[in-house]
C-alpha cells in the first residue's frame, strides 16, 4: 500500500500512533498546567500586597507531613485522602482561628483559589483511583486495561508535580 492508501489507524498492536488516551491526557495536562500557571503567577504577583492582615507569615504553617502523604499516595489512596484532610484542617484553622477567608484580602483570595484548585484535582484523582480499586478488587481490571490505568497514573503524577510547585510558591517563597 502506498502512504496515501494506508489506513490512518490500525489495531493497537500494529498502530504506530500513540495511544489516544495518553495523547488526550497529555493535552489535558498541558491545559491544566496553563491554568495552574495563571493561578501561581497571580499568587506571586499579589503576595505581600494585602493592605490588611492576616499575612501568609502570620498564619501559614508548612504542611510537611501532608505533603509527604500526597507525594507517597501513588502507593495508596488513603494517603491522598489524608492530604485532603490536612488541607481541610488547615482551612478550618485559617478561617476560625485567623479569620482568613477568600474575601478577607488578596492573600486569602489567591491562597484559597490556588490551593482549592489543587484540592479539586486531588479529589477527582481520588475518585478515579477509587473506581479503579473497586473494579480491581472485583477482578475487572486486567492487562487489557493497563493503558487506561497508565493514563490515570499520568494524571495522578501531574497532581503530585503541581503540588510541588504550589507548596514551593505558597509555603516557601510566599511567606
N, C-alpha and C. Protein backbone atom coordinates (compact mmCIF):
# COMPACT_ATOMS: atom_id res chain seq x y z
N UNK A 1 0.83 -1.18 0.00
CA UNK A 1 0.00 0.00 0.00
C UNK A 1 0.88 1.25 0.00
N UNK A 2 0.42 2.23 -0.70
CA UNK A 2 1.15 3.50 -0.69
C UNK A 2 0.78 4.26 0.57
N UNK A 3 1.52 5.31 0.82
CA UNK A 3 1.26 6.12 2.01
C UNK A 3 -0.13 6.74 1.95
N UNK A 4 -0.64 6.99 0.75
CA UNK A 4 -1.95 7.61 0.61
C UNK A 4 -3.06 6.63 0.95
N UNK A 5 -2.89 5.36 0.64
CA UNK A 5 -3.96 4.40 0.88
C UNK A 5 -3.80 3.63 2.18
N UNK A 6 -2.74 3.91 2.92
CA UNK A 6 -2.54 3.23 4.20
C UNK A 6 -3.59 3.72 5.18
N UNK A 7 -4.26 2.81 5.88
CA UNK A 7 -5.26 3.23 6.87
C UNK A 7 -4.63 4.14 7.91
N UNK A 8 -5.41 5.10 8.38
CA UNK A 8 -4.92 6.08 9.36
C UNK A 8 -4.57 5.43 10.69
N UNK A 9 -5.39 4.54 11.18
CA UNK A 9 -5.13 3.90 12.48
C UNK A 9 -5.41 2.42 12.36
N UNK A 10 -4.44 1.64 12.73
CA UNK A 10 -4.61 0.19 12.73
C UNK A 10 -5.02 -0.29 14.10
N UNK A 11 -4.89 -1.56 14.33
CA UNK A 11 -5.20 -2.11 15.65
C UNK A 11 -4.14 -1.64 16.62
N UNK A 12 -4.44 -1.62 17.91
CA UNK A 12 -3.47 -1.13 18.89
C UNK A 12 -2.13 -1.85 18.81
N UNK A 13 -2.13 -3.13 18.46
CA UNK A 13 -0.89 -3.88 18.41
C UNK A 13 -0.04 -3.49 17.21
N UNK A 14 -0.66 -3.04 16.11
CA UNK A 14 0.10 -2.74 14.92
C UNK A 14 0.22 -1.25 14.64
N UNK A 15 -0.53 -0.43 15.33
CA UNK A 15 -0.52 1.01 15.08
C UNK A 15 0.78 1.63 15.57
N UNK A 16 1.28 2.54 14.78
CA UNK A 16 2.48 3.27 15.19
C UNK A 16 2.12 4.58 15.88
N UNK A 17 0.83 4.88 15.93
CA UNK A 17 0.37 6.08 16.61
C UNK A 17 0.33 5.84 18.12
N UNK A 18 0.57 6.90 18.90
CA UNK A 18 0.47 6.72 20.36
C UNK A 18 -0.97 6.45 20.77
N UNK A 19 -1.13 5.81 21.89
CA UNK A 19 -2.45 5.53 22.43
C UNK A 19 -3.20 6.85 22.62
N UNK A 20 -4.39 6.94 22.08
CA UNK A 20 -5.11 8.22 22.10
C UNK A 20 -5.48 8.67 23.50
N UNK A 21 -5.62 7.75 24.43
CA UNK A 21 -5.87 8.13 25.82
C UNK A 21 -4.69 8.90 26.40
N UNK A 22 -3.48 8.47 26.08
CA UNK A 22 -2.29 9.18 26.56
C UNK A 22 -2.16 10.55 25.90
N UNK A 23 -2.49 10.61 24.63
CA UNK A 23 -2.45 11.90 23.93
C UNK A 23 -3.46 12.85 24.55
N UNK A 24 -4.67 12.35 24.80
CA UNK A 24 -5.71 13.18 25.41
C UNK A 24 -5.29 13.64 26.80
N UNK A 25 -4.70 12.75 27.59
CA UNK A 25 -4.28 13.12 28.93
C UNK A 25 -3.13 14.13 28.86
N UNK A 26 -2.22 13.94 27.93
CA UNK A 26 -1.13 14.91 27.77
C UNK A 26 -1.69 16.29 27.42
N UNK A 27 -2.71 16.33 26.56
CA UNK A 27 -3.35 17.61 26.21
C UNK A 27 -4.05 18.22 27.43
N UNK A 28 -4.74 17.38 28.21
CA UNK A 28 -5.40 17.87 29.42
C UNK A 28 -4.36 18.42 30.40
N UNK A 29 -3.28 17.69 30.59
CA UNK A 29 -2.23 18.14 31.50
C UNK A 29 -1.63 19.46 31.02
N UNK A 30 -1.45 19.60 29.73
CA UNK A 30 -0.92 20.85 29.18
C UNK A 30 -1.89 22.00 29.49
N UNK A 31 -3.17 21.79 29.24
CA UNK A 31 -4.17 22.83 29.51
C UNK A 31 -4.26 23.14 31.00
N UNK A 32 -4.26 22.12 31.83
CA UNK A 32 -4.33 22.33 33.28
C UNK A 32 -3.06 23.02 33.79
N UNK A 33 -1.94 22.72 33.18
CA UNK A 33 -0.69 23.39 33.56
C UNK A 33 -0.80 24.89 33.29
N UNK A 34 -1.44 25.24 32.19
CA UNK A 34 -1.63 26.66 31.88
C UNK A 34 -2.51 27.32 32.94
N UNK A 35 -3.57 26.64 33.35
CA UNK A 35 -4.45 27.18 34.38
C UNK A 35 -3.70 27.35 35.70
N UNK A 36 -2.97 26.32 36.10
CA UNK A 36 -2.21 26.42 37.35
C UNK A 36 -1.15 27.52 37.26
N UNK A 37 -0.54 27.67 36.09
CA UNK A 37 0.46 28.73 35.91
C UNK A 37 -0.16 30.10 36.15
N UNK A 38 -1.36 30.30 35.64
CA UNK A 38 -2.06 31.58 35.85
C UNK A 38 -2.30 31.81 37.34
N UNK A 39 -2.74 30.78 38.05
CA UNK A 39 -3.01 30.92 39.48
C UNK A 39 -1.72 31.15 40.27
N UNK A 40 -0.64 30.46 39.91
CA UNK A 40 0.64 30.65 40.59
C UNK A 40 1.16 32.06 40.37
N UNK A 41 1.09 32.53 39.13
CA UNK A 41 1.56 33.89 38.82
C UNK A 41 0.72 34.91 39.58
N UNK A 42 -0.59 34.71 39.63
CA UNK A 42 -1.46 35.63 40.39
C UNK A 42 -1.08 35.63 41.86
N UNK A 43 -0.83 34.45 42.42
CA UNK A 43 -0.45 34.37 43.83
C UNK A 43 0.86 35.14 44.05
N UNK A 44 1.85 34.87 43.21
CA UNK A 44 3.14 35.54 43.37
C UNK A 44 3.02 37.05 43.16
N UNK A 45 2.18 37.47 42.23
CA UNK A 45 2.00 38.89 41.96
C UNK A 45 1.38 39.61 43.16
N UNK A 46 0.41 38.98 43.78
CA UNK A 46 -0.32 39.64 44.86
C UNK A 46 0.23 39.38 46.26
N UNK A 47 1.16 38.44 46.40
CA UNK A 47 1.67 38.15 47.74
C UNK A 47 2.35 39.40 48.31
N UNK A 48 2.01 39.72 49.53
CA UNK A 48 2.58 40.89 50.20
C UNK A 48 1.90 42.20 49.86
N UNK A 49 0.87 42.17 49.01
CA UNK A 49 0.20 43.41 48.61
C UNK A 49 -1.11 43.64 49.34
N UNK A 50 -1.48 42.74 50.25
CA UNK A 50 -2.71 42.94 51.02
C UNK A 50 -2.52 44.10 51.98
N UNK A 51 -3.51 44.95 52.05
CA UNK A 51 -3.43 46.11 52.93
C UNK A 51 -3.82 45.77 54.36
N UNK A 52 -4.53 44.65 54.53
CA UNK A 52 -4.94 44.23 55.86
C UNK A 52 -4.45 42.80 56.09
N UNK A 53 -4.41 42.38 57.34
CA UNK A 53 -3.97 41.04 57.68
C UNK A 53 -5.12 40.07 57.65
N UNK A 54 -4.88 38.82 57.89
CA UNK A 54 -3.56 38.28 58.21
C UNK A 54 -2.71 38.08 56.96
N UNK A 55 -1.43 37.97 57.17
CA UNK A 55 -0.49 37.74 56.08
C UNK A 55 -0.07 36.28 56.09
N UNK A 56 0.53 35.81 55.01
CA UNK A 56 0.97 34.41 54.98
C UNK A 56 1.92 34.07 56.14
N UNK A 57 2.83 34.96 56.43
CA UNK A 57 3.80 34.70 57.51
C UNK A 57 3.12 34.54 58.86
N UNK A 58 2.01 35.24 59.05
CA UNK A 58 1.30 35.18 60.32
C UNK A 58 0.46 33.92 60.49
N UNK A 59 0.01 33.31 59.40
CA UNK A 59 -0.97 32.24 59.55
C UNK A 59 -0.58 30.89 58.94
N UNK A 60 0.33 30.86 57.99
CA UNK A 60 0.63 29.58 57.34
C UNK A 60 1.66 28.78 58.12
N UNK A 61 1.37 27.50 58.23
CA UNK A 61 2.32 26.53 58.78
C UNK A 61 2.66 25.58 57.64
N UNK A 62 3.90 25.21 57.51
CA UNK A 62 4.33 24.37 56.40
C UNK A 62 3.82 22.94 56.58
N UNK A 63 2.98 22.44 55.66
CA UNK A 63 2.37 21.11 55.80
C UNK A 63 3.27 19.98 55.30
N UNK A 64 4.39 19.80 55.96
CA UNK A 64 5.37 18.79 55.54
C UNK A 64 4.74 17.39 55.55
N UNK A 65 4.09 17.02 56.65
CA UNK A 65 3.52 15.67 56.77
C UNK A 65 2.52 15.39 55.66
N UNK A 66 1.61 16.33 55.42
CA UNK A 66 0.58 16.11 54.40
C UNK A 66 1.17 16.13 53.00
N UNK A 67 2.23 16.87 52.79
CA UNK A 67 2.92 16.83 51.50
C UNK A 67 3.54 15.46 51.27
N UNK A 68 4.15 14.90 52.29
CA UNK A 68 4.72 13.55 52.19
C UNK A 68 3.61 12.56 51.87
N UNK A 69 2.45 12.74 52.52
CA UNK A 69 1.32 11.85 52.24
C UNK A 69 0.92 11.92 50.78
N UNK A 70 0.79 13.13 50.24
CA UNK A 70 0.38 13.26 48.84
C UNK A 70 1.42 12.66 47.90
N UNK A 71 2.66 12.99 48.11
CA UNK A 71 3.70 12.51 47.20
C UNK A 71 3.89 11.00 47.31
N UNK A 72 3.53 10.42 48.44
CA UNK A 72 3.61 8.97 48.62
C UNK A 72 2.32 8.27 48.23
N UNK A 73 1.30 9.03 47.91
CA UNK A 73 -0.03 8.45 47.72
C UNK A 73 -0.16 7.63 46.45
N UNK A 74 0.86 7.62 45.61
CA UNK A 74 0.81 6.70 44.48
C UNK A 74 0.77 5.27 45.00
N UNK A 75 1.21 5.09 46.23
CA UNK A 75 1.21 3.75 46.83
C UNK A 75 -0.15 3.38 47.41
N UNK A 76 -0.90 4.38 47.89
CA UNK A 76 -2.18 4.07 48.50
C UNK A 76 -3.13 5.27 48.44
N UNK A 77 -4.36 4.99 48.21
CA UNK A 77 -5.39 6.05 48.13
C UNK A 77 -5.56 6.74 49.48
N UNK A 78 -5.35 6.03 50.56
CA UNK A 78 -5.56 6.58 51.90
C UNK A 78 -4.68 7.81 52.14
N UNK A 79 -3.46 7.78 51.63
CA UNK A 79 -2.57 8.92 51.84
C UNK A 79 -3.05 10.15 51.08
N UNK A 80 -3.63 9.96 49.91
CA UNK A 80 -4.22 11.08 49.18
C UNK A 80 -5.39 11.67 49.94
N UNK A 81 -6.21 10.80 50.52
CA UNK A 81 -7.34 11.27 51.32
C UNK A 81 -6.83 11.99 52.57
N UNK A 82 -5.76 11.51 53.15
CA UNK A 82 -5.18 12.15 54.32
C UNK A 82 -4.66 13.55 53.96
N UNK A 83 -4.11 13.70 52.76
CA UNK A 83 -3.68 15.01 52.29
C UNK A 83 -4.88 15.96 52.25
N UNK A 84 -6.00 15.50 51.70
CA UNK A 84 -7.20 16.36 51.65
C UNK A 84 -7.69 16.71 53.04
N UNK A 85 -7.62 15.75 53.95
CA UNK A 85 -7.98 16.01 55.34
C UNK A 85 -7.10 17.11 55.91
N UNK A 86 -5.81 17.03 55.65
CA UNK A 86 -4.88 18.06 56.13
C UNK A 86 -5.19 19.42 55.55
N UNK A 87 -5.56 19.46 54.28
CA UNK A 87 -5.95 20.72 53.65
C UNK A 87 -7.20 21.27 54.33
N UNK A 88 -8.16 20.41 54.60
CA UNK A 88 -9.37 20.83 55.30
C UNK A 88 -9.08 21.35 56.69
N UNK A 89 -8.18 20.68 57.40
CA UNK A 89 -7.79 21.12 58.74
C UNK A 89 -7.14 22.50 58.68
N UNK A 90 -6.26 22.67 57.70
CA UNK A 90 -5.59 23.96 57.55
C UNK A 90 -6.61 25.07 57.26
N UNK A 91 -7.55 24.81 56.37
CA UNK A 91 -8.56 25.80 56.03
C UNK A 91 -9.41 26.12 57.26
N UNK A 92 -9.78 25.11 58.02
CA UNK A 92 -10.58 25.33 59.24
C UNK A 92 -9.82 26.24 60.20
N UNK A 93 -8.54 25.96 60.39
CA UNK A 93 -7.71 26.77 61.28
C UNK A 93 -7.60 28.21 60.76
N UNK A 94 -7.36 28.36 59.47
CA UNK A 94 -7.21 29.70 58.90
C UNK A 94 -8.51 30.51 59.01
N UNK A 95 -9.63 29.85 58.80
CA UNK A 95 -10.91 30.56 58.84
C UNK A 95 -11.32 30.88 60.27
N UNK A 96 -11.28 29.88 61.16
CA UNK A 96 -11.84 30.07 62.51
C UNK A 96 -10.86 30.62 63.53
N UNK A 97 -9.56 30.40 63.33
CA UNK A 97 -8.60 30.95 64.29
C UNK A 97 -8.01 32.28 63.83
N UNK A 98 -7.90 32.46 62.51
CA UNK A 98 -7.24 33.66 61.99
C UNK A 98 -8.17 34.56 61.17
N UNK A 99 -9.39 34.12 60.93
CA UNK A 99 -10.34 34.94 60.18
C UNK A 99 -9.99 35.13 58.71
N UNK A 100 -9.17 34.25 58.18
CA UNK A 100 -8.77 34.37 56.77
C UNK A 100 -9.75 33.61 55.90
N UNK A 101 -10.50 34.35 55.09
CA UNK A 101 -11.42 33.75 54.13
C UNK A 101 -11.00 34.18 52.73
N UNK A 102 -11.72 33.71 51.75
CA UNK A 102 -11.40 34.07 50.37
C UNK A 102 -11.63 35.56 50.11
N UNK A 103 -12.46 36.20 50.94
CA UNK A 103 -12.75 37.62 50.74
C UNK A 103 -12.05 38.54 51.75
N UNK A 104 -11.18 37.99 52.59
CA UNK A 104 -10.50 38.81 53.59
C UNK A 104 -9.54 39.81 52.95
N UNK A 105 -8.69 39.32 52.07
CA UNK A 105 -7.70 40.17 51.42
C UNK A 105 -7.18 39.45 50.17
N UNK A 106 -6.22 40.05 49.50
CA UNK A 106 -5.66 39.43 48.29
C UNK A 106 -5.00 38.09 48.59
N UNK A 107 -4.32 38.02 49.72
CA UNK A 107 -3.70 36.74 50.09
C UNK A 107 -4.76 35.66 50.22
N UNK A 108 -5.84 35.94 50.93
CA UNK A 108 -6.90 34.94 51.09
C UNK A 108 -7.49 34.52 49.76
N UNK A 109 -7.72 35.49 48.89
CA UNK A 109 -8.30 35.20 47.57
C UNK A 109 -7.39 34.29 46.76
N UNK A 110 -6.11 34.67 46.67
CA UNK A 110 -5.20 33.88 45.83
C UNK A 110 -4.84 32.55 46.49
N UNK A 111 -4.70 32.55 47.81
CA UNK A 111 -4.38 31.31 48.52
C UNK A 111 -5.48 30.26 48.33
N UNK A 112 -6.72 30.63 48.66
CA UNK A 112 -7.81 29.66 48.55
C UNK A 112 -8.08 29.26 47.10
N UNK A 113 -7.88 30.17 46.17
CA UNK A 113 -8.07 29.82 44.77
C UNK A 113 -7.04 28.81 44.30
N UNK A 114 -5.78 29.05 44.61
CA UNK A 114 -4.71 28.16 44.16
C UNK A 114 -4.76 26.82 44.87
N UNK A 115 -4.82 26.84 46.18
CA UNK A 115 -4.84 25.58 46.94
C UNK A 115 -6.15 24.83 46.70
N UNK A 116 -7.25 25.57 46.55
CA UNK A 116 -8.54 24.93 46.26
C UNK A 116 -8.57 24.29 44.89
N UNK A 117 -7.96 24.93 43.91
CA UNK A 117 -7.87 24.33 42.58
C UNK A 117 -7.11 23.02 42.65
N UNK A 118 -6.01 23.02 43.40
CA UNK A 118 -5.26 21.78 43.54
C UNK A 118 -6.06 20.72 44.28
N UNK A 119 -6.73 21.11 45.35
CA UNK A 119 -7.54 20.16 46.13
C UNK A 119 -8.64 19.54 45.27
N UNK A 120 -9.22 20.32 44.37
CA UNK A 120 -10.25 19.75 43.49
C UNK A 120 -9.65 18.70 42.56
N UNK A 121 -8.43 18.92 42.12
CA UNK A 121 -7.77 17.93 41.27
C UNK A 121 -7.42 16.66 42.05
N UNK A 122 -7.02 16.83 43.31
CA UNK A 122 -6.76 15.66 44.15
C UNK A 122 -8.05 14.88 44.35
N UNK A 123 -9.14 15.57 44.59
CA UNK A 123 -10.44 14.91 44.78
C UNK A 123 -10.83 14.11 43.55
N UNK A 124 -10.70 14.70 42.38
CA UNK A 124 -11.02 13.99 41.12
C UNK A 124 -10.13 12.76 40.98
N UNK A 125 -8.85 12.93 41.25
CA UNK A 125 -7.93 11.80 41.16
C UNK A 125 -8.28 10.69 42.13
N UNK A 126 -8.65 11.05 43.35
CA UNK A 126 -9.02 10.03 44.34
C UNK A 126 -10.29 9.29 43.94
N UNK A 127 -11.23 10.01 43.36
CA UNK A 127 -12.45 9.35 42.89
C UNK A 127 -12.10 8.33 41.80
N UNK A 128 -11.29 8.75 40.85
CA UNK A 128 -10.91 7.85 39.75
C UNK A 128 -10.09 6.66 40.26
N UNK A 129 -9.16 6.92 41.17
CA UNK A 129 -8.37 5.82 41.74
C UNK A 129 -9.26 4.85 42.52
N UNK A 130 -10.25 5.38 43.21
CA UNK A 130 -11.18 4.53 43.97
C UNK A 130 -11.99 3.65 43.03
N UNK A 131 -12.39 4.20 41.90
CA UNK A 131 -13.13 3.40 40.91
C UNK A 131 -12.25 2.27 40.39
N UNK A 132 -11.00 2.58 40.08
CA UNK A 132 -10.08 1.53 39.62
C UNK A 132 -9.88 0.49 40.71
N UNK A 133 -9.73 0.94 41.95
CA UNK A 133 -9.57 0.00 43.07
C UNK A 133 -10.80 -0.90 43.18
N UNK A 134 -11.98 -0.33 43.11
CA UNK A 134 -13.22 -1.09 43.20
C UNK A 134 -13.27 -2.16 42.11
N UNK A 135 -13.02 -1.75 40.87
CA UNK A 135 -13.05 -2.71 39.77
C UNK A 135 -11.91 -3.73 39.88
N UNK A 136 -10.77 -3.29 40.39
CA UNK A 136 -9.66 -4.21 40.59
C UNK A 136 -9.99 -5.29 41.61
N UNK A 137 -10.59 -4.87 42.71
CA UNK A 137 -10.99 -5.85 43.74
C UNK A 137 -12.07 -6.79 43.23
N UNK A 138 -12.87 -6.32 42.28
CA UNK A 138 -13.92 -7.15 41.70
C UNK A 138 -13.37 -8.04 40.58
N UNK A 139 -12.06 -7.94 40.32
CA UNK A 139 -11.45 -8.76 39.29
C UNK A 139 -11.72 -8.28 37.88
N UNK A 140 -12.08 -7.02 37.73
CA UNK A 140 -12.44 -6.48 36.42
C UNK A 140 -11.33 -5.66 35.78
N UNK A 141 -10.16 -5.56 36.41
CA UNK A 141 -9.04 -4.83 35.83
C UNK A 141 -7.96 -5.84 35.49
N UNK A 142 -7.70 -5.95 34.22
CA UNK A 142 -6.69 -6.88 33.76
C UNK A 142 -5.71 -6.20 32.82
N UNK A 143 -4.88 -6.98 32.18
CA UNK A 143 -3.87 -6.42 31.28
C UNK A 143 -4.47 -5.57 30.16
N UNK A 144 -5.69 -5.89 29.75
CA UNK A 144 -6.31 -5.11 28.67
C UNK A 144 -6.66 -3.68 29.09
N UNK A 145 -6.70 -3.41 30.39
CA UNK A 145 -6.96 -2.07 30.88
C UNK A 145 -5.69 -1.33 31.30
N UNK A 146 -4.55 -1.93 31.09
CA UNK A 146 -3.30 -1.32 31.57
C UNK A 146 -3.04 0.05 30.95
N UNK A 147 -3.39 0.24 29.69
CA UNK A 147 -3.17 1.54 29.06
C UNK A 147 -4.03 2.61 29.73
N UNK A 148 -5.25 2.25 30.11
CA UNK A 148 -6.13 3.21 30.78
C UNK A 148 -5.62 3.54 32.18
N UNK A 149 -5.12 2.53 32.87
CA UNK A 149 -4.56 2.77 34.20
C UNK A 149 -3.31 3.64 34.08
N UNK A 150 -2.53 3.45 33.04
CA UNK A 150 -1.36 4.31 32.79
C UNK A 150 -1.77 5.77 32.60
N UNK A 151 -2.88 5.99 31.91
CA UNK A 151 -3.37 7.35 31.70
C UNK A 151 -3.76 7.98 33.03
N UNK A 152 -4.44 7.23 33.88
CA UNK A 152 -4.79 7.72 35.21
C UNK A 152 -3.53 8.02 36.01
N UNK A 153 -2.53 7.18 35.87
CA UNK A 153 -1.26 7.39 36.55
C UNK A 153 -0.61 8.70 36.10
N UNK A 154 -0.71 9.02 34.82
CA UNK A 154 -0.19 10.29 34.33
C UNK A 154 -0.86 11.46 35.05
N UNK A 155 -2.18 11.37 35.18
CA UNK A 155 -2.93 12.43 35.84
C UNK A 155 -2.49 12.57 37.30
N UNK A 156 -2.37 11.44 38.00
CA UNK A 156 -2.03 11.49 39.42
C UNK A 156 -0.63 12.05 39.63
N UNK A 157 0.30 11.69 38.77
CA UNK A 157 1.66 12.23 38.90
C UNK A 157 1.68 13.72 38.56
N UNK A 158 0.81 14.15 37.65
CA UNK A 158 0.67 15.58 37.37
C UNK A 158 0.21 16.31 38.63
N UNK A 159 -0.78 15.75 39.33
CA UNK A 159 -1.28 16.36 40.56
C UNK A 159 -0.15 16.47 41.59
N UNK A 160 0.67 15.44 41.70
CA UNK A 160 1.84 15.49 42.59
C UNK A 160 2.79 16.60 42.19
N UNK A 161 3.11 16.67 40.90
CA UNK A 161 4.05 17.69 40.42
C UNK A 161 3.53 19.10 40.65
N UNK A 162 2.23 19.28 40.44
CA UNK A 162 1.63 20.59 40.68
C UNK A 162 1.76 20.96 42.16
N UNK A 163 1.57 19.98 43.05
CA UNK A 163 1.68 20.29 44.47
C UNK A 163 3.09 20.76 44.82
N UNK A 164 4.09 20.18 44.21
CA UNK A 164 5.47 20.62 44.49
C UNK A 164 5.61 22.11 44.16
N UNK A 165 5.03 22.53 43.05
CA UNK A 165 5.07 23.95 42.66
C UNK A 165 4.25 24.78 43.65
N UNK A 166 3.02 24.34 43.94
CA UNK A 166 2.15 25.09 44.86
C UNK A 166 2.81 25.18 46.23
N UNK A 167 3.33 24.09 46.72
CA UNK A 167 3.99 24.06 48.03
C UNK A 167 5.15 25.05 48.06
N UNK A 168 5.97 25.02 47.03
CA UNK A 168 7.13 25.91 46.96
C UNK A 168 6.69 27.38 46.93
N UNK A 169 5.69 27.67 46.10
CA UNK A 169 5.24 29.05 45.95
C UNK A 169 4.53 29.56 47.21
N UNK A 170 3.62 28.77 47.76
CA UNK A 170 2.79 29.24 48.88
C UNK A 170 3.54 29.16 50.20
N UNK A 171 4.18 28.04 50.47
CA UNK A 171 4.72 27.82 51.82
C UNK A 171 6.20 28.17 51.98
N UNK A 172 6.90 28.34 50.86
CA UNK A 172 8.32 28.69 50.97
C UNK A 172 8.56 30.11 50.45
N UNK A 173 8.27 30.35 49.18
CA UNK A 173 8.52 31.67 48.59
C UNK A 173 7.52 32.71 49.07
N UNK A 174 6.27 32.32 49.25
CA UNK A 174 5.21 33.27 49.59
C UNK A 174 5.12 33.67 51.03
N UNK A 175 6.01 33.21 51.84
CA UNK A 175 5.95 33.58 53.27
C UNK A 175 6.93 34.66 53.51
